[in-house]
Protein backbone atom coordinates (compact mmCIF):
# COMPACT_ATOMS: atom_id res chain seq x y z
CA MET A 1 102.97 119.26 95.01
CA ARG A 2 103.18 119.02 98.78
CA LEU A 3 106.91 119.80 98.90
CA GLU A 4 107.11 122.50 96.26
CA GLY A 5 109.83 125.02 97.07
CA LYS A 6 111.40 122.76 99.70
CA THR A 7 114.87 121.22 99.71
CA ALA A 8 115.25 117.78 101.27
CA LEU A 9 118.47 115.99 102.18
CA ILE A 10 118.18 112.21 102.33
CA THR A 11 121.00 110.16 103.81
CA GLY A 12 121.29 106.69 102.34
CA GLY A 13 119.38 108.10 99.39
CA GLY A 14 121.07 105.88 96.83
CA GLY A 15 118.99 102.76 97.26
CA GLY A 16 116.03 100.97 98.80
CA ILE A 17 113.84 103.18 100.96
CA GLY A 18 116.06 106.22 100.33
CA ARG A 19 115.69 105.94 96.55
CA GLU A 20 111.91 105.55 96.71
CA THR A 21 111.73 108.53 99.05
CA ALA A 22 113.80 110.68 96.70
CA LEU A 23 111.62 109.82 93.71
CA LEU A 24 108.40 110.41 95.66
CA PHE A 25 109.66 113.74 97.02
CA ALA A 26 110.72 114.78 93.50
CA ARG A 27 107.22 114.07 92.22
CA GLU A 28 105.92 116.27 95.03
CA GLY A 29 108.12 119.19 93.90
CA ALA A 30 111.11 118.98 96.24
CA ARG A 31 114.72 119.68 95.37
CA LEU A 32 116.92 116.84 96.56
CA VAL A 33 120.34 116.26 98.06
CA ILE A 34 121.16 112.57 97.76
CA ALA A 35 123.79 111.87 100.42
CA ASP A 36 125.23 108.38 100.25
CA TYR A 37 128.49 106.53 100.65
CA ARG A 38 127.81 104.68 97.38
CA VAL A 39 128.68 107.13 94.60
CA ASP A 40 127.28 105.16 91.67
CA SER A 41 123.95 104.59 93.42
CA ALA A 42 123.63 108.25 94.37
CA ARG A 43 124.38 109.37 90.81
CA SER A 44 121.81 106.96 89.46
CA VAL A 45 119.09 108.37 91.72
CA VAL A 46 120.02 111.92 90.72
CA ASP A 47 119.52 110.93 87.09
CA GLU A 48 116.14 109.41 87.91
CA VAL A 49 115.09 112.57 89.74
CA ALA A 50 116.19 114.70 86.79
CA ALA A 51 114.03 112.56 84.50
CA ILE A 52 111.04 113.46 86.69
CA GLY A 53 111.90 117.10 86.17
CA SER A 54 113.18 118.00 89.61
CA GLU A 55 116.57 119.30 90.73
CA ALA A 56 118.97 117.05 92.58
CA GLU A 57 122.60 116.88 93.65
CA TRP A 58 124.58 113.96 95.03
CA ILE A 59 127.16 114.20 97.77
CA GLN A 60 129.28 111.36 99.05
CA VAL A 61 129.22 110.98 102.81
CA ASP A 62 130.12 108.52 105.52
CA VAL A 63 127.59 109.37 108.22
CA SER A 64 129.66 107.57 110.86
CA ASP A 65 132.49 110.08 110.30
CA GLN A 66 131.74 113.49 111.81
CA GLU A 67 134.18 115.32 109.55
CA SER A 68 132.64 113.69 106.47
CA VAL A 69 129.21 114.83 107.65
CA LYS A 70 130.45 118.39 108.15
CA ARG A 71 131.85 118.43 104.60
CA MET A 72 128.58 117.06 103.27
CA ALA A 73 126.58 119.75 105.06
CA GLY A 74 128.89 122.47 103.81
CA GLU A 75 128.52 121.31 100.22
CA ALA A 76 124.75 120.98 100.50
CA LEU A 77 124.31 124.45 101.98
CA SER A 78 126.59 125.98 99.34
CA ARG A 79 124.52 124.46 96.52
CA PHE A 80 121.11 125.34 97.98
CA ASP A 81 119.86 128.22 100.12
CA GLY A 82 119.06 125.87 102.98
CA ILE A 83 117.86 122.42 103.91
CA ASP A 84 114.18 122.40 104.87
CA ILE A 85 113.82 118.64 105.37
CA LEU A 86 116.31 116.15 106.76
CA ILE A 87 115.58 112.46 106.32
CA ASN A 88 118.03 110.46 108.45
CA ASN A 89 117.61 107.23 106.50
CA ALA A 90 121.11 105.71 106.30
CA GLY A 91 121.53 102.48 108.22
CA ILE A 92 123.24 99.09 108.33
CA THR A 93 122.88 95.74 110.06
CA GLN A 94 125.49 93.35 111.45
CA ASP A 95 123.32 90.62 112.92
CA ARG A 96 124.66 88.05 115.36
CA MET A 97 123.59 86.47 118.63
CA LEU A 98 124.76 88.24 121.77
CA THR A 99 127.48 85.76 122.70
CA LYS A 100 128.98 85.87 119.20
CA LEU A 101 128.63 89.58 118.44
CA THR A 102 132.05 91.16 118.00
CA THR A 103 133.04 94.57 119.32
CA GLN A 104 133.60 95.73 115.75
CA GLU A 105 130.12 94.62 114.65
CA TRP A 106 128.60 96.36 117.65
CA GLN A 107 130.47 99.60 117.03
CA GLN A 108 129.89 99.79 113.27
CA VAL A 109 126.13 99.62 113.68
CA ILE A 110 126.13 102.15 116.52
CA ASP A 111 128.39 104.49 114.55
CA VAL A 112 126.19 104.51 111.44
CA ASN A 113 122.69 104.11 112.83
CA LEU A 114 122.96 106.19 115.99
CA SER A 115 125.97 108.50 115.84
CA GLY A 116 125.27 109.19 112.16
CA VAL A 117 121.80 110.51 112.97
CA PHE A 118 123.28 112.70 115.70
CA TYR A 119 126.04 114.09 113.48
CA CYS A 120 123.75 114.90 110.54
CA THR A 121 121.09 116.52 112.69
CA GLN A 122 123.47 118.54 114.81
CA VAL A 123 125.22 120.07 111.81
CA LEU A 124 122.03 120.95 109.88
CA VAL A 125 119.78 122.15 112.71
CA PRO A 126 121.36 125.61 113.18
CA GLN A 127 120.28 126.83 109.73
CA MET A 128 116.74 125.52 110.42
CA VAL A 129 116.69 127.35 113.74
CA GLU A 130 117.83 130.52 112.01
CA ARG A 131 114.88 130.34 109.61
CA GLY A 132 112.43 129.23 112.31
CA ASN A 133 111.19 126.09 110.57
CA GLY A 134 112.23 122.64 109.47
CA LYS A 135 111.28 118.99 109.39
CA ILE A 136 113.50 116.16 110.67
CA VAL A 137 112.47 112.55 110.15
CA ASN A 138 114.58 109.80 111.69
CA THR A 139 114.50 106.14 110.70
CA ALA A 140 113.86 104.00 113.75
CA SER A 141 112.51 100.43 113.68
CA ILE A 142 109.98 98.30 115.50
CA VAL A 143 113.09 96.40 116.64
CA GLY A 144 114.07 99.50 118.61
CA VAL A 145 110.79 99.25 120.55
CA HIS A 146 110.32 95.51 120.93
CA GLY A 147 113.78 94.00 120.31
CA ASN A 148 114.64 91.11 118.02
CA ILE A 149 116.74 87.97 118.35
CA GLY A 150 120.24 88.41 116.95
CA GLN A 151 120.03 92.20 116.73
CA SER A 152 121.45 93.58 119.97
CA ASN A 153 123.39 96.28 118.14
CA TYR A 154 120.62 97.19 115.72
CA ALA A 155 117.95 97.28 118.44
CA ALA A 156 120.14 99.45 120.65
CA SER A 157 120.86 101.88 117.83
CA LYS A 158 117.20 102.24 116.89
CA ALA A 159 116.08 102.60 120.51
CA GLY A 160 118.63 105.38 120.76
CA VAL A 161 117.20 107.05 117.66
CA ILE A 162 113.75 107.00 119.26
CA GLY A 163 115.15 108.57 122.41
CA MET A 164 116.91 111.32 120.45
CA THR A 165 113.76 111.95 118.41
CA LYS A 166 111.67 112.60 121.51
CA THR A 167 114.38 114.71 123.09
CA TRP A 168 114.88 116.86 119.98
CA ALA A 169 111.13 117.30 119.57
CA LYS A 170 111.10 118.97 122.99
CA GLU A 171 114.24 121.02 122.34
CA LEU A 172 113.45 122.13 118.79
CA GLY A 173 109.65 122.35 118.81
CA PRO A 174 109.69 125.85 120.36
CA LYS A 175 111.98 126.90 117.50
CA GLY A 176 109.49 125.85 114.83
CA ILE A 177 111.08 122.50 113.96
CA GLN A 178 109.18 119.21 114.07
CA VAL A 179 111.15 116.02 114.79
CA ASN A 180 109.54 112.63 114.25
CA ALA A 181 110.55 109.06 113.51
CA VAL A 182 109.28 106.25 111.33
CA ALA A 183 109.58 102.70 112.66
CA PRO A 184 109.42 100.26 109.75
CA GLY A 185 108.69 96.59 110.20
CA PHE A 186 110.06 94.08 107.74
CA ILE A 187 110.50 95.88 104.42
CA GLU A 188 111.56 94.32 101.12
CA THR A 189 115.02 95.85 100.84
CA ALA A 190 118.55 94.54 100.28
CA MET A 191 118.89 94.12 104.07
CA VAL A 192 115.91 91.77 104.26
CA ALA A 193 116.98 89.95 101.09
CA THR A 194 119.86 88.39 103.06
CA ILE A 195 117.38 86.55 105.32
CA PRO A 196 116.74 82.90 104.35
CA GLU A 197 113.51 82.36 102.38
CA LYS A 198 111.97 80.06 104.99
CA VAL A 199 112.40 82.81 107.58
CA ILE A 200 110.89 85.39 105.20
CA THR A 201 107.88 83.13 104.72
CA LYS A 202 107.34 82.95 108.48
CA LEU A 203 107.72 86.71 108.78
CA ARG A 204 105.18 87.29 106.03
CA GLU A 205 102.70 84.97 107.74
CA SER A 206 103.15 86.80 111.05
CA VAL A 207 102.06 90.13 109.56
CA PRO A 208 98.27 90.67 109.68
CA LEU A 209 98.38 92.10 106.15
CA ARG A 210 100.18 88.92 105.02
CA ARG A 211 102.93 90.72 103.16
CA LEU A 212 106.19 92.49 103.78
CA GLY A 213 106.26 96.22 103.36
CA SER A 214 107.61 97.94 100.27
CA PRO A 215 110.09 100.83 100.33
CA LEU A 216 107.30 103.03 98.98
CA ASP A 217 105.16 102.26 102.04
CA VAL A 218 107.86 103.85 104.18
CA ALA A 219 108.45 106.68 101.73
CA TYR A 220 104.81 107.76 102.03
CA ALA A 221 105.20 107.92 105.81
CA TYR A 222 108.28 110.12 105.32
CA LEU A 223 106.28 112.32 102.96
CA PHE A 224 103.53 112.88 105.50
CA LEU A 225 105.99 113.81 108.24
CA ALA A 226 107.97 116.05 105.86
CA SER A 227 104.95 117.96 104.58
CA SER A 228 102.81 120.72 106.10
CA GLU A 229 100.12 118.10 106.71
CA SER A 230 102.04 117.06 109.84
CA ASP A 231 102.68 120.54 111.25
CA TYR A 232 101.12 119.57 114.58
CA VAL A 233 102.85 116.19 114.79
CA ASN A 234 105.99 116.31 116.89
CA GLY A 235 107.94 113.64 118.77
CA THR A 236 105.92 110.73 117.40
CA VAL A 237 107.14 107.33 116.24
CA LEU A 238 105.02 106.17 113.32
CA ALA A 239 105.03 102.38 112.90
CA VAL A 240 104.91 101.14 109.30
CA ASP A 241 104.76 97.42 109.96
CA GLY A 242 101.49 96.09 108.58
CA GLY A 243 100.18 95.55 112.10
CA LEU A 244 103.01 93.23 113.09
CA VAL A 245 103.17 94.84 116.53
CA ILE A 246 99.84 96.01 117.91
């Protein structure tokens, strides 16, 4: 029960990696706030968490909207004494080659993947600072480190997340708060499911472990960085990519 007595807020907690993280954290004793734009998905995860025997609440949020994030934080802090763990997991893709990428597609990805992480962290950090402890885990990507064809917006957003992670680790470390990031490779989620099968096959063959990652692989990385086992880990970017980039 590595998270017993802790309350974790997971953005994008209604599906994929977020769902697996919520269920894993529940099994480790955490109370959960499932923050997601998709109401039905968030409710479903809350029901699954309840079946495990842990406490959970769902809150609808659009992380790209600062006012929506402020409302979400207010609701979460009114339902629980505080948020000990923030998992900035929400994210989207709008893939297109540079010359065909529209301004709207660029901005939507930046708003959700980059600004959303900033908004959620900024609004929840003060109550962590007040208590003198907290764990923040941001979702980056190996694409944010090494780039990827057709993902200018996504790569830029994830590179920005890495930059914020390292900056916040320096700012918040002296206040007892650890800030880290996880950089997944190609994970079997709804995002990856949109990629043609022949491309998936090539991706799988390019990974030394010869498989794509599962959402649970990433969830375990989140668990480590959210638990006391990582109390001396700060400002790191943990790659969960099967050795794709070495």
